[in-house]
N, C-alpha and C. Protein backbone atom coordinates (compact mmCIF):
# COMPACT_ATOMS: atom_id res chain seq x y z
N UNK A 1 -10.36 10.30 22.29
CA UNK A 1 -9.18 10.34 23.16
C UNK A 1 -7.97 10.86 22.39
N UNK A 2 -7.78 10.34 21.15
CA UNK A 2 -6.66 10.78 20.33
C UNK A 2 -6.74 12.28 20.07
N UNK A 3 -7.95 12.76 19.80
CA UNK A 3 -8.12 14.18 19.46
C UNK A 3 -7.77 15.07 20.64
N UNK A 4 -8.15 14.64 21.87
CA UNK A 4 -7.87 15.44 23.05
C UNK A 4 -6.36 15.52 23.30
N UNK A 5 -5.66 14.37 23.20
CA UNK A 5 -4.20 14.34 23.40
C UNK A 5 -3.52 15.14 22.30
N UNK A 6 -4.03 15.00 21.08
CA UNK A 6 -3.45 15.69 19.93
C UNK A 6 -3.49 17.20 20.12
N UNK A 7 -4.65 17.73 20.57
CA UNK A 7 -4.80 19.17 20.74
C UNK A 7 -3.90 19.69 21.87
N UNK A 8 -3.72 18.87 22.91
CA UNK A 8 -2.85 19.29 24.03
C UNK A 8 -1.40 19.32 23.59
N UNK A 9 -0.94 18.25 22.90
CA UNK A 9 0.47 18.18 22.50
C UNK A 9 0.80 19.15 21.38
N UNK A 10 -0.18 19.48 20.56
CA UNK A 10 0.06 20.39 19.43
C UNK A 10 0.46 21.78 19.92
N UNK A 11 -0.14 22.21 20.99
CA UNK A 11 0.12 23.57 21.50
C UNK A 11 0.86 23.54 22.83
N UNK A 12 1.79 22.61 23.00
CA UNK A 12 2.53 22.47 24.26
C UNK A 12 3.31 23.73 24.60
N UNK A 13 3.85 24.41 23.57
CA UNK A 13 4.66 25.61 23.82
C UNK A 13 3.82 26.75 24.36
N UNK A 14 2.51 26.79 23.95
CA UNK A 14 1.63 27.83 24.49
C UNK A 14 1.39 27.59 25.97
N UNK A 15 1.15 26.31 26.32
CA UNK A 15 0.94 25.96 27.75
C UNK A 15 2.20 26.27 28.57
N UNK A 16 3.39 26.03 27.96
CA UNK A 16 4.65 26.31 28.65
C UNK A 16 4.78 27.80 28.93
N UNK A 17 4.45 28.64 27.92
CA UNK A 17 4.53 30.10 28.09
C UNK A 17 3.53 30.60 29.13
N UNK A 18 2.30 30.05 29.10
CA UNK A 18 1.28 30.45 30.07
C UNK A 18 1.73 30.11 31.49
N UNK A 19 2.27 28.89 31.65
CA UNK A 19 2.77 28.46 32.97
C UNK A 19 3.91 29.34 33.46
N UNK A 20 4.81 29.70 32.54
CA UNK A 20 5.95 30.55 32.87
C UNK A 20 5.48 31.94 33.30
N UNK A 21 4.53 32.50 32.55
CA UNK A 21 3.98 33.84 32.87
C UNK A 21 3.29 33.84 34.23
N UNK A 22 2.50 32.80 34.48
CA UNK A 22 1.80 32.70 35.78
C UNK A 22 2.81 32.62 36.91
N UNK A 23 3.86 31.81 36.70
CA UNK A 23 4.91 31.66 37.71
C UNK A 23 5.62 32.97 38.01
N UNK A 24 5.95 33.73 36.96
CA UNK A 24 6.63 35.03 37.14
C UNK A 24 5.72 36.02 37.86
N UNK A 25 4.44 36.05 37.45
CA UNK A 25 3.47 36.97 38.08
C UNK A 25 3.29 36.66 39.55
N UNK A 26 3.17 35.39 39.87
CA UNK A 26 3.01 34.99 41.28
C UNK A 26 4.26 35.35 42.09
N UNK A 27 5.42 35.16 41.45
CA UNK A 27 6.68 35.49 42.14
C UNK A 27 6.79 36.98 42.43
N UNK A 28 6.30 37.83 41.51
CA UNK A 28 6.36 39.29 41.70
C UNK A 28 5.33 39.77 42.72
N UNK A 29 4.15 39.14 42.70
CA UNK A 29 3.06 39.59 43.57
C UNK A 29 3.25 39.21 45.04
N UNK A 30 3.79 38.04 45.27
CA UNK A 30 3.88 37.55 46.64
C UNK A 30 5.31 37.52 47.13
N UNK A 31 5.46 37.92 48.37
CA UNK A 31 6.76 37.80 49.04
C UNK A 31 6.61 36.63 50.01
N UNK A 32 7.09 35.48 49.61
CA UNK A 32 6.85 34.27 50.40
C UNK A 32 7.57 34.32 51.76
N UNK A 33 8.77 34.83 51.78
CA UNK A 33 9.49 34.98 53.03
C UNK A 33 10.01 33.69 53.64
N UNK A 34 9.73 32.56 53.03
CA UNK A 34 10.15 31.29 53.63
C UNK A 34 11.53 30.85 53.14
N UNK A 35 11.89 31.29 51.97
CA UNK A 35 13.19 30.88 51.44
C UNK A 35 13.75 31.95 50.53
N UNK A 36 15.06 31.85 50.31
CA UNK A 36 15.73 32.78 49.41
C UNK A 36 16.37 32.00 48.28
N UNK A 37 16.25 32.54 47.09
CA UNK A 37 16.86 31.88 45.94
C UNK A 37 18.29 32.39 45.77
N UNK A 38 19.19 31.46 45.57
CA UNK A 38 20.56 31.82 45.31
C UNK A 38 20.68 32.25 43.85
N UNK A 39 21.23 33.43 43.63
CA UNK A 39 21.32 33.96 42.27
C UNK A 39 22.51 33.38 41.51
N UNK A 40 23.34 32.64 42.21
CA UNK A 40 24.48 32.00 41.55
C UNK A 40 24.09 30.58 41.18
N UNK A 41 24.52 30.16 40.01
CA UNK A 41 24.22 28.80 39.56
C UNK A 41 25.46 28.23 38.88
N UNK A 42 25.73 26.97 39.15
CA UNK A 42 26.94 26.36 38.58
C UNK A 42 26.67 25.95 37.13
N UNK A 43 27.75 25.78 36.39
CA UNK A 43 27.65 25.39 34.98
C UNK A 43 26.99 24.02 34.86
N UNK A 44 27.35 23.11 35.76
CA UNK A 44 26.78 21.75 35.73
C UNK A 44 25.28 21.80 35.95
N UNK A 45 24.82 22.62 36.92
CA UNK A 45 23.39 22.75 37.19
C UNK A 45 22.66 23.37 35.98
N UNK A 46 23.30 24.37 35.38
CA UNK A 46 22.71 25.03 34.20
C UNK A 46 22.58 24.03 33.05
N UNK A 47 23.65 23.26 32.82
CA UNK A 47 23.61 22.24 31.76
C UNK A 47 22.51 21.21 32.05
N UNK A 48 22.42 20.83 33.31
CA UNK A 48 21.40 19.86 33.73
C UNK A 48 19.99 20.36 33.42
N UNK A 49 19.76 21.65 33.73
CA UNK A 49 18.43 22.26 33.47
C UNK A 49 18.15 22.29 31.97
N UNK A 50 19.16 22.73 31.17
CA UNK A 50 18.96 22.82 29.72
C UNK A 50 18.75 21.45 29.09
N UNK A 51 19.49 20.45 29.57
CA UNK A 51 19.31 19.08 29.05
C UNK A 51 17.91 18.57 29.38
N UNK A 52 17.46 18.84 30.62
CA UNK A 52 16.11 18.40 31.03
C UNK A 52 15.03 19.04 30.17
N UNK A 53 15.17 20.35 29.93
CA UNK A 53 14.20 21.07 29.09
C UNK A 53 14.23 20.51 27.66
N UNK A 54 15.47 20.31 27.15
CA UNK A 54 15.62 19.77 25.79
C UNK A 54 14.99 18.39 25.65
N UNK A 55 15.23 17.52 26.64
CA UNK A 55 14.64 16.18 26.62
C UNK A 55 13.12 16.23 26.68
N UNK A 56 12.60 17.13 27.50
CA UNK A 56 11.14 17.28 27.62
C UNK A 56 10.52 17.68 26.28
N UNK A 57 11.15 18.67 25.63
CA UNK A 57 10.66 19.13 24.32
C UNK A 57 10.78 18.01 23.29
N UNK A 58 11.91 17.28 23.30
CA UNK A 58 12.12 16.19 22.34
C UNK A 58 11.09 15.08 22.53
N UNK A 59 10.87 14.68 23.78
CA UNK A 59 9.91 13.61 24.07
C UNK A 59 8.50 14.03 23.66
N UNK A 60 8.15 15.29 23.94
CA UNK A 60 6.82 15.79 23.56
C UNK A 60 6.63 15.76 22.05
N UNK A 61 7.68 16.15 21.29
CA UNK A 61 7.56 16.16 19.83
C UNK A 61 7.51 14.74 19.26
N UNK A 62 8.28 13.82 19.86
CA UNK A 62 8.25 12.42 19.41
C UNK A 62 6.88 11.80 19.68
N UNK A 63 6.33 12.08 20.86
CA UNK A 63 5.00 11.57 21.20
C UNK A 63 3.94 12.12 20.26
N UNK A 64 4.05 13.41 19.95
CA UNK A 64 3.09 14.04 19.04
C UNK A 64 3.16 13.40 17.66
N UNK A 65 4.39 13.15 17.17
CA UNK A 65 4.57 12.53 15.86
C UNK A 65 3.99 11.12 15.84
N UNK A 66 4.25 10.37 16.92
CA UNK A 66 3.73 9.00 17.01
C UNK A 66 2.21 8.97 17.06
N UNK A 67 1.64 9.92 17.81
CA UNK A 67 0.18 10.01 17.89
C UNK A 67 -0.44 10.31 16.53
N UNK A 68 0.22 11.21 15.77
CA UNK A 68 -0.26 11.55 14.43
C UNK A 68 -0.22 10.33 13.52
N UNK A 69 0.88 9.54 13.60
CA UNK A 69 1.00 8.34 12.78
C UNK A 69 -0.08 7.32 13.13
N UNK A 70 -0.30 7.12 14.45
CA UNK A 70 -1.32 6.16 14.91
C UNK A 70 -2.71 6.61 14.46
N UNK A 71 -2.97 7.91 14.57
CA UNK A 71 -4.29 8.44 14.17
C UNK A 71 -4.50 8.28 12.67
N UNK A 72 -3.43 8.49 11.89
CA UNK A 72 -3.51 8.35 10.43
C UNK A 72 -3.84 6.91 10.05
N UNK A 73 -3.14 5.95 10.70
CA UNK A 73 -3.40 4.53 10.44
C UNK A 73 -4.83 4.17 10.82
N UNK A 74 -5.24 4.64 11.98
CA UNK A 74 -6.60 4.38 12.46
C UNK A 74 -7.64 4.93 11.50
N UNK A 75 -7.40 6.13 10.98
CA UNK A 75 -8.33 6.75 10.02
C UNK A 75 -8.44 5.94 8.73
N UNK A 76 -7.31 5.36 8.29
CA UNK A 76 -7.33 4.52 7.09
C UNK A 76 -8.18 3.27 7.29
N UNK A 77 -8.02 2.64 8.45
CA UNK A 77 -8.81 1.43 8.75
C UNK A 77 -10.30 1.76 8.84
N UNK A 78 -10.61 2.87 9.49
CA UNK A 78 -12.01 3.29 9.63
C UNK A 78 -12.62 3.60 8.26
N UNK A 79 -11.82 4.20 7.36
CA UNK A 79 -12.29 4.48 6.00
C UNK A 79 -12.59 3.18 5.25
N UNK A 80 -11.75 2.16 5.47
CA UNK A 80 -11.97 0.85 4.84
C UNK A 80 -13.26 0.22 5.36
N UNK A 81 -13.50 0.33 6.66
CA UNK A 81 -14.73 -0.19 7.25
C UNK A 81 -15.94 0.54 6.67
N UNK A 82 -15.82 1.85 6.49
CA UNK A 82 -16.92 2.64 5.91
C UNK A 82 -17.26 2.18 4.50
N UNK A 83 -16.23 1.78 3.73
CA UNK A 83 -16.45 1.24 2.39
C UNK A 83 -17.32 -0.02 2.45
N UNK A 84 -16.99 -0.91 3.38
CA UNK A 84 -17.76 -2.15 3.55
C UNK A 84 -19.20 -1.83 3.96
N UNK A 85 -19.34 -0.87 4.86
CA UNK A 85 -20.69 -0.48 5.30
C UNK A 85 -21.51 0.10 4.14
N UNK A 86 -20.84 0.82 3.24
CA UNK A 86 -21.52 1.38 2.06
C UNK A 86 -22.03 0.26 1.14
N UNK A 87 -21.23 -0.79 0.99
CA UNK A 87 -21.64 -1.92 0.14
C UNK A 87 -22.83 -2.65 0.79
N UNK A 88 -22.78 -2.80 2.11
CA UNK A 88 -23.91 -3.42 2.82
C UNK A 88 -25.18 -2.60 2.63
N UNK A 89 -25.02 -1.29 2.61
CA UNK A 89 -26.17 -0.39 2.37
C UNK A 89 -26.72 -0.60 0.96
N UNK A 90 -25.82 -0.82 -0.01
CA UNK A 90 -26.25 -1.10 -1.39
C UNK A 90 -27.09 -2.38 -1.45
N UNK A 91 -26.64 -3.40 -0.70
CA UNK A 91 -27.37 -4.67 -0.63
C UNK A 91 -28.77 -4.43 -0.07
N UNK A 92 -28.84 -3.67 1.03
CA UNK A 92 -30.14 -3.37 1.67
C UNK A 92 -31.05 -2.59 0.72
N UNK A 93 -30.47 -1.66 -0.04
CA UNK A 93 -31.26 -0.88 -1.00
C UNK A 93 -31.80 -1.76 -2.13
N UNK A 94 -30.98 -2.71 -2.58
CA UNK A 94 -31.41 -3.63 -3.64
C UNK A 94 -32.58 -4.50 -3.20
N UNK A 95 -32.60 -4.84 -1.92
CA UNK A 95 -33.66 -5.70 -1.40
C UNK A 95 -35.04 -5.05 -1.50
N UNK A 96 -35.07 -3.74 -1.63
CA UNK A 96 -36.34 -3.04 -1.75
C UNK A 96 -36.97 -3.19 -3.14
N UNK A 97 -36.15 -3.70 -4.10
CA UNK A 97 -36.67 -3.94 -5.45
C UNK A 97 -37.36 -5.31 -5.48
N UNK A 98 -38.31 -5.46 -6.40
CA UNK A 98 -38.98 -6.75 -6.55
C UNK A 98 -38.07 -7.80 -7.15
N UNK A 99 -37.32 -7.40 -8.15
CA UNK A 99 -36.40 -8.32 -8.82
C UNK A 99 -35.00 -7.71 -8.86
N UNK A 100 -34.03 -8.55 -8.55
CA UNK A 100 -32.64 -8.09 -8.50
C UNK A 100 -31.83 -8.96 -9.45
N UNK A 101 -30.87 -8.36 -10.14
CA UNK A 101 -29.98 -9.16 -10.99
C UNK A 101 -29.12 -10.05 -10.11
N UNK A 102 -29.13 -11.33 -10.41
CA UNK A 102 -28.38 -12.32 -9.62
C UNK A 102 -26.89 -11.98 -9.62
N UNK A 103 -26.38 -11.60 -10.79
CA UNK A 103 -24.96 -11.28 -10.91
C UNK A 103 -24.59 -10.08 -10.04
N UNK A 104 -25.48 -9.12 -9.97
CA UNK A 104 -25.22 -7.90 -9.18
C UNK A 104 -25.08 -8.24 -7.69
N UNK A 105 -26.02 -9.04 -7.17
CA UNK A 105 -25.99 -9.39 -5.75
C UNK A 105 -24.79 -10.28 -5.45
N UNK A 106 -24.46 -11.16 -6.42
CA UNK A 106 -23.31 -12.05 -6.25
C UNK A 106 -22.01 -11.26 -6.21
N UNK A 107 -21.91 -10.24 -7.07
CA UNK A 107 -20.71 -9.38 -7.12
C UNK A 107 -20.55 -8.61 -5.81
N UNK A 108 -21.66 -8.04 -5.31
CA UNK A 108 -21.59 -7.26 -4.07
C UNK A 108 -21.13 -8.10 -2.89
N UNK A 109 -21.69 -9.31 -2.75
CA UNK A 109 -21.31 -10.17 -1.61
C UNK A 109 -19.85 -10.60 -1.73
N UNK A 110 -19.38 -10.78 -2.98
CA UNK A 110 -17.98 -11.14 -3.22
C UNK A 110 -17.05 -9.98 -2.82
N UNK A 111 -17.43 -8.76 -3.20
CA UNK A 111 -16.63 -7.57 -2.89
C UNK A 111 -16.58 -7.34 -1.37
N UNK A 112 -17.70 -7.55 -0.68
CA UNK A 112 -17.74 -7.41 0.79
C UNK A 112 -16.73 -8.37 1.43
N UNK A 113 -16.74 -9.62 0.95
CA UNK A 113 -15.81 -10.63 1.48
C UNK A 113 -14.36 -10.26 1.26
N UNK A 114 -14.05 -9.79 0.04
CA UNK A 114 -12.67 -9.38 -0.28
C UNK A 114 -12.22 -8.21 0.59
N UNK A 115 -13.10 -7.22 0.74
CA UNK A 115 -12.77 -6.02 1.54
C UNK A 115 -12.53 -6.39 3.00
N UNK A 116 -13.36 -7.28 3.52
CA UNK A 116 -13.23 -7.72 4.93
C UNK A 116 -11.91 -8.47 5.12
N UNK A 117 -11.59 -9.40 4.19
CA UNK A 117 -10.34 -10.17 4.29
C UNK A 117 -9.12 -9.26 4.17
N UNK A 118 -9.20 -8.27 3.27
CA UNK A 118 -8.11 -7.31 3.09
C UNK A 118 -7.87 -6.49 4.36
N UNK A 119 -8.97 -6.05 5.00
CA UNK A 119 -8.88 -5.27 6.23
C UNK A 119 -8.22 -6.07 7.34
N UNK A 120 -8.69 -7.30 7.54
CA UNK A 120 -8.15 -8.14 8.62
C UNK A 120 -6.69 -8.52 8.37
N UNK A 121 -6.34 -8.77 7.11
CA UNK A 121 -4.95 -9.09 6.77
C UNK A 121 -4.05 -7.89 7.08
N UNK A 122 -4.53 -6.70 6.75
CA UNK A 122 -3.77 -5.48 7.02
C UNK A 122 -3.56 -5.29 8.53
N UNK A 123 -4.60 -5.55 9.31
CA UNK A 123 -4.49 -5.44 10.78
C UNK A 123 -3.47 -6.44 11.32
N UNK A 124 -3.44 -7.64 10.74
CA UNK A 124 -2.46 -8.66 11.17
C UNK A 124 -1.05 -8.25 10.76
N UNK A 125 -0.89 -7.75 9.53
CA UNK A 125 0.43 -7.37 9.02
C UNK A 125 1.06 -6.24 9.83
N UNK A 126 0.22 -5.33 10.35
CA UNK A 126 0.74 -4.21 11.14
C UNK A 126 0.69 -4.51 12.65
N UNK A 127 0.51 -5.79 12.98
CA UNK A 127 0.51 -6.24 14.39
C UNK A 127 -0.49 -5.48 15.26
N UNK A 128 -1.67 -5.21 14.70
CA UNK A 128 -2.69 -4.51 15.46
C UNK A 128 -3.74 -5.49 15.98
N UNK A 129 -3.58 -6.77 15.63
CA UNK A 129 -4.58 -7.77 16.02
C UNK A 129 -4.46 -8.08 17.51
N UNK A 130 -5.49 -7.73 18.24
CA UNK A 130 -5.58 -8.07 19.66
C UNK A 130 -6.59 -9.20 19.79
N UNK A 131 -6.72 -9.72 21.01
CA UNK A 131 -7.68 -10.80 21.25
C UNK A 131 -9.09 -10.37 20.90
N UNK A 132 -9.46 -9.14 21.29
CA UNK A 132 -10.82 -8.64 21.02
C UNK A 132 -11.07 -8.48 19.52
N UNK A 133 -10.04 -8.06 18.76
CA UNK A 133 -10.18 -7.92 17.31
C UNK A 133 -10.31 -9.30 16.66
N UNK A 134 -9.57 -10.29 17.18
CA UNK A 134 -9.67 -11.66 16.67
C UNK A 134 -11.08 -12.21 16.88
N UNK A 135 -11.67 -11.89 18.03
CA UNK A 135 -13.04 -12.34 18.31
C UNK A 135 -14.02 -11.71 17.33
N UNK A 136 -13.84 -10.42 17.05
CA UNK A 136 -14.69 -9.73 16.07
C UNK A 136 -14.53 -10.38 14.70
N UNK A 137 -13.29 -10.71 14.33
CA UNK A 137 -13.01 -11.35 13.05
C UNK A 137 -13.75 -12.68 12.93
N UNK A 138 -13.76 -13.48 14.00
CA UNK A 138 -14.46 -14.77 13.98
C UNK A 138 -15.97 -14.57 13.79
N UNK A 139 -16.54 -13.61 14.50
CA UNK A 139 -17.97 -13.32 14.38
C UNK A 139 -18.29 -12.84 12.96
N UNK A 140 -17.42 -11.97 12.42
CA UNK A 140 -17.62 -11.45 11.06
C UNK A 140 -17.56 -12.57 10.02
N UNK A 141 -16.62 -13.50 10.19
CA UNK A 141 -16.53 -14.63 9.26
C UNK A 141 -17.85 -15.39 9.23
N UNK A 142 -18.36 -15.67 10.41
CA UNK A 142 -19.63 -16.41 10.53
C UNK A 142 -20.79 -15.62 9.91
N UNK A 143 -20.86 -14.32 10.22
CA UNK A 143 -21.94 -13.47 9.69
C UNK A 143 -21.87 -13.31 8.17
N UNK A 144 -20.64 -13.18 7.65
CA UNK A 144 -20.46 -13.04 6.20
C UNK A 144 -20.89 -14.32 5.48
N UNK A 145 -20.56 -15.49 6.07
CA UNK A 145 -20.99 -16.76 5.48
C UNK A 145 -22.51 -16.85 5.45
N UNK A 146 -23.12 -16.45 6.58
CA UNK A 146 -24.58 -16.50 6.67
C UNK A 146 -25.23 -15.55 5.65
N UNK A 147 -24.65 -14.35 5.52
CA UNK A 147 -25.20 -13.37 4.56
C UNK A 147 -25.10 -13.91 3.13
N UNK A 148 -23.95 -14.48 2.80
CA UNK A 148 -23.76 -15.05 1.46
C UNK A 148 -24.78 -16.16 1.20
N UNK A 149 -24.97 -17.00 2.20
CA UNK A 149 -25.94 -18.10 2.08
C UNK A 149 -27.36 -17.57 1.86
N UNK A 150 -27.74 -16.57 2.66
CA UNK A 150 -29.09 -16.00 2.54
C UNK A 150 -29.31 -15.31 1.20
N UNK A 151 -28.26 -14.71 0.66
CA UNK A 151 -28.39 -13.96 -0.59
C UNK A 151 -28.32 -14.85 -1.84
N UNK A 152 -27.53 -15.92 -1.78
CA UNK A 152 -27.27 -16.67 -3.02
C UNK A 152 -27.75 -18.12 -3.02
N UNK A 153 -27.94 -18.74 -1.86
CA UNK A 153 -28.36 -20.14 -1.84
C UNK A 153 -29.84 -20.30 -2.18
N UNK A 154 -30.11 -21.21 -3.08
CA UNK A 154 -31.50 -21.50 -3.43
C UNK A 154 -31.99 -22.70 -2.61
N UNK A 155 -33.24 -22.67 -2.17
CA UNK A 155 -33.76 -23.79 -1.39
C UNK A 155 -33.85 -25.09 -2.20
N UNK A 156 -33.52 -26.19 -1.55
CA UNK A 156 -33.60 -27.51 -2.20
C UNK A 156 -35.07 -27.89 -2.41
N UNK A 157 -35.87 -27.58 -1.43
CA UNK A 157 -37.31 -27.88 -1.49
C UNK A 157 -37.97 -26.97 -2.53
N UNK A 158 -38.57 -27.56 -3.54
CA UNK A 158 -39.19 -26.79 -4.63
C UNK A 158 -40.40 -25.97 -4.17
N UNK A 159 -41.01 -26.39 -3.05
CA UNK A 159 -42.17 -25.64 -2.54
C UNK A 159 -41.76 -24.39 -1.77
N UNK A 160 -40.47 -24.36 -1.41
CA UNK A 160 -39.94 -23.20 -0.68
C UNK A 160 -39.72 -22.04 -1.65
N UNK A 161 -40.47 -20.97 -1.48
CA UNK A 161 -40.40 -19.82 -2.38
C UNK A 161 -39.65 -18.63 -1.76
N UNK A 162 -38.80 -18.92 -0.78
CA UNK A 162 -38.07 -17.82 -0.11
C UNK A 162 -37.06 -17.16 -1.05
N UNK A 163 -36.53 -17.94 -2.00
CA UNK A 163 -35.62 -17.40 -3.01
C UNK A 163 -36.01 -17.99 -4.36
N UNK A 164 -36.32 -17.12 -5.30
CA UNK A 164 -36.68 -17.57 -6.65
C UNK A 164 -35.71 -16.93 -7.64
N UNK A 165 -35.03 -17.78 -8.42
CA UNK A 165 -34.12 -17.28 -9.46
C UNK A 165 -34.73 -17.63 -10.81
N UNK A 166 -34.94 -16.60 -11.60
CA UNK A 166 -35.56 -16.79 -12.91
C UNK A 166 -35.03 -15.74 -13.87
N UNK A 167 -34.60 -16.20 -15.05
CA UNK A 167 -34.06 -15.30 -16.08
C UNK A 167 -32.97 -14.37 -15.53
N UNK A 168 -32.06 -14.94 -14.78
CA UNK A 168 -30.92 -14.23 -14.18
C UNK A 168 -31.32 -13.11 -13.21
N UNK A 169 -32.55 -13.19 -12.71
CA UNK A 169 -32.99 -12.27 -11.65
C UNK A 169 -33.38 -13.09 -10.43
N UNK A 170 -33.25 -12.47 -9.27
CA UNK A 170 -33.53 -13.15 -8.01
C UNK A 170 -34.59 -12.37 -7.23
N UNK A 171 -35.52 -13.10 -6.66
CA UNK A 171 -36.58 -12.50 -5.86
C UNK A 171 -36.59 -13.18 -4.49
N UNK A 172 -36.66 -12.36 -3.45
CA UNK A 172 -36.66 -12.89 -2.07
C UNK A 172 -38.04 -12.70 -1.44
N UNK A 173 -38.38 -13.65 -0.57
CA UNK A 173 -39.62 -13.51 0.21
C UNK A 173 -39.40 -12.45 1.29
N UNK A 174 -40.48 -11.97 1.87
CA UNK A 174 -40.36 -10.94 2.92
C UNK A 174 -39.61 -11.48 4.15
N UNK A 175 -39.83 -12.77 4.46
CA UNK A 175 -39.11 -13.39 5.59
C UNK A 175 -37.61 -13.45 5.33
N UNK A 176 -37.26 -13.81 4.09
CA UNK A 176 -35.83 -13.89 3.75
C UNK A 176 -35.20 -12.50 3.79
N UNK A 177 -35.92 -11.49 3.31
CA UNK A 177 -35.42 -10.11 3.34
C UNK A 177 -35.18 -9.67 4.79
N UNK A 178 -36.11 -10.02 5.67
CA UNK A 178 -35.96 -9.68 7.10
C UNK A 178 -34.70 -10.32 7.67
N UNK A 179 -34.47 -11.60 7.34
CA UNK A 179 -33.28 -12.32 7.82
C UNK A 179 -32.00 -11.67 7.30
N UNK A 180 -32.01 -11.27 6.03
CA UNK A 180 -30.83 -10.64 5.42
C UNK A 180 -30.52 -9.31 6.12
N UNK A 181 -31.56 -8.52 6.34
CA UNK A 181 -31.37 -7.21 6.99
C UNK A 181 -30.85 -7.39 8.43
N UNK A 182 -31.34 -8.40 9.13
CA UNK A 182 -30.86 -8.68 10.49
C UNK A 182 -29.37 -9.02 10.49
N UNK A 183 -28.97 -9.86 9.54
CA UNK A 183 -27.54 -10.24 9.45
C UNK A 183 -26.70 -9.02 9.07
N UNK A 184 -27.19 -8.19 8.13
CA UNK A 184 -26.47 -6.96 7.76
C UNK A 184 -26.28 -6.07 8.99
N UNK A 185 -27.32 -5.98 9.81
CA UNK A 185 -27.24 -5.16 11.03
C UNK A 185 -26.19 -5.74 11.99
N UNK A 186 -26.18 -7.07 12.14
CA UNK A 186 -25.20 -7.72 13.03
C UNK A 186 -23.78 -7.46 12.55
N UNK A 187 -23.59 -7.52 11.23
CA UNK A 187 -22.26 -7.26 10.66
C UNK A 187 -21.84 -5.82 10.95
N UNK A 188 -22.75 -4.87 10.75
CA UNK A 188 -22.44 -3.45 11.01
C UNK A 188 -22.13 -3.21 12.48
N UNK A 189 -22.79 -3.94 13.36
CA UNK A 189 -22.50 -3.82 14.80
C UNK A 189 -21.07 -4.26 15.11
N UNK A 190 -20.62 -5.34 14.47
CA UNK A 190 -19.25 -5.82 14.69
C UNK A 190 -18.24 -4.82 14.15
N UNK A 191 -18.55 -4.22 13.01
CA UNK A 191 -17.64 -3.21 12.45
C UNK A 191 -17.61 -1.95 13.33
N UNK A 192 -18.74 -1.65 13.96
CA UNK A 192 -18.77 -0.51 14.89
C UNK A 192 -17.84 -0.79 16.08
N UNK A 193 -17.91 -2.02 16.61
CA UNK A 193 -17.01 -2.41 17.73
C UNK A 193 -15.55 -2.28 17.29
N UNK A 194 -15.27 -2.69 16.05
CA UNK A 194 -13.90 -2.60 15.53
C UNK A 194 -13.44 -1.16 15.42
N UNK A 195 -14.33 -0.27 14.99
CA UNK A 195 -14.00 1.17 14.91
C UNK A 195 -13.65 1.71 16.30
N UNK A 196 -14.46 1.33 17.30
CA UNK A 196 -14.21 1.78 18.67
C UNK A 196 -12.84 1.32 19.15
N UNK A 197 -12.50 0.05 18.88
CA UNK A 197 -11.20 -0.49 19.29
C UNK A 197 -10.04 0.22 18.58
N UNK A 198 -10.22 0.51 17.30
CA UNK A 198 -9.15 1.18 16.53
C UNK A 198 -8.94 2.62 16.98
N UNK A 199 -10.00 3.25 17.47
CA UNK A 199 -9.89 4.64 17.93
C UNK A 199 -9.64 4.75 19.43
N UNK A 200 -9.58 3.60 20.14
CA UNK A 200 -9.43 3.60 21.60
C UNK A 200 -8.05 3.97 22.07
């Protein structure tokens, strides 16, 4: 939507010239015969026309500038979300290994949490938080907690082999890996909804 409005407002003067040319051509080609234009115009009417044209051009340029600023902010937020998605992809890639360094997985989940909190704080600071964004934030908090738990919590039951930590490496069972990937997917879905809202 932003791109469509942007392209229209960017070339407003071309549309104005095209409209003017069409109007002149139609006026030359057709003799309407229904009315006559008075060739005399008062100074007040002329000033009124020039002020109207000036205001139209000013409003169009202000709107274009505001749209550019909004699009720039939106692009920054989307870039931040893409960073988080890249880290989630790193987590998924690590799960394909038999043994993962515990510190590495712990660092990644910590960075994901920091990036998510930074993004939401920025949205609040710039007054972009709507009810729908707040709902996404609540779901993300819950999903991030679940992901952290699945990645780092060791089972209390010694017979449970879903997570094994040995010599600073961690190994997950296939069921645990499936659960982690499902939660990663749910998190990415929420970030996709957030991208749609930011670009709406």
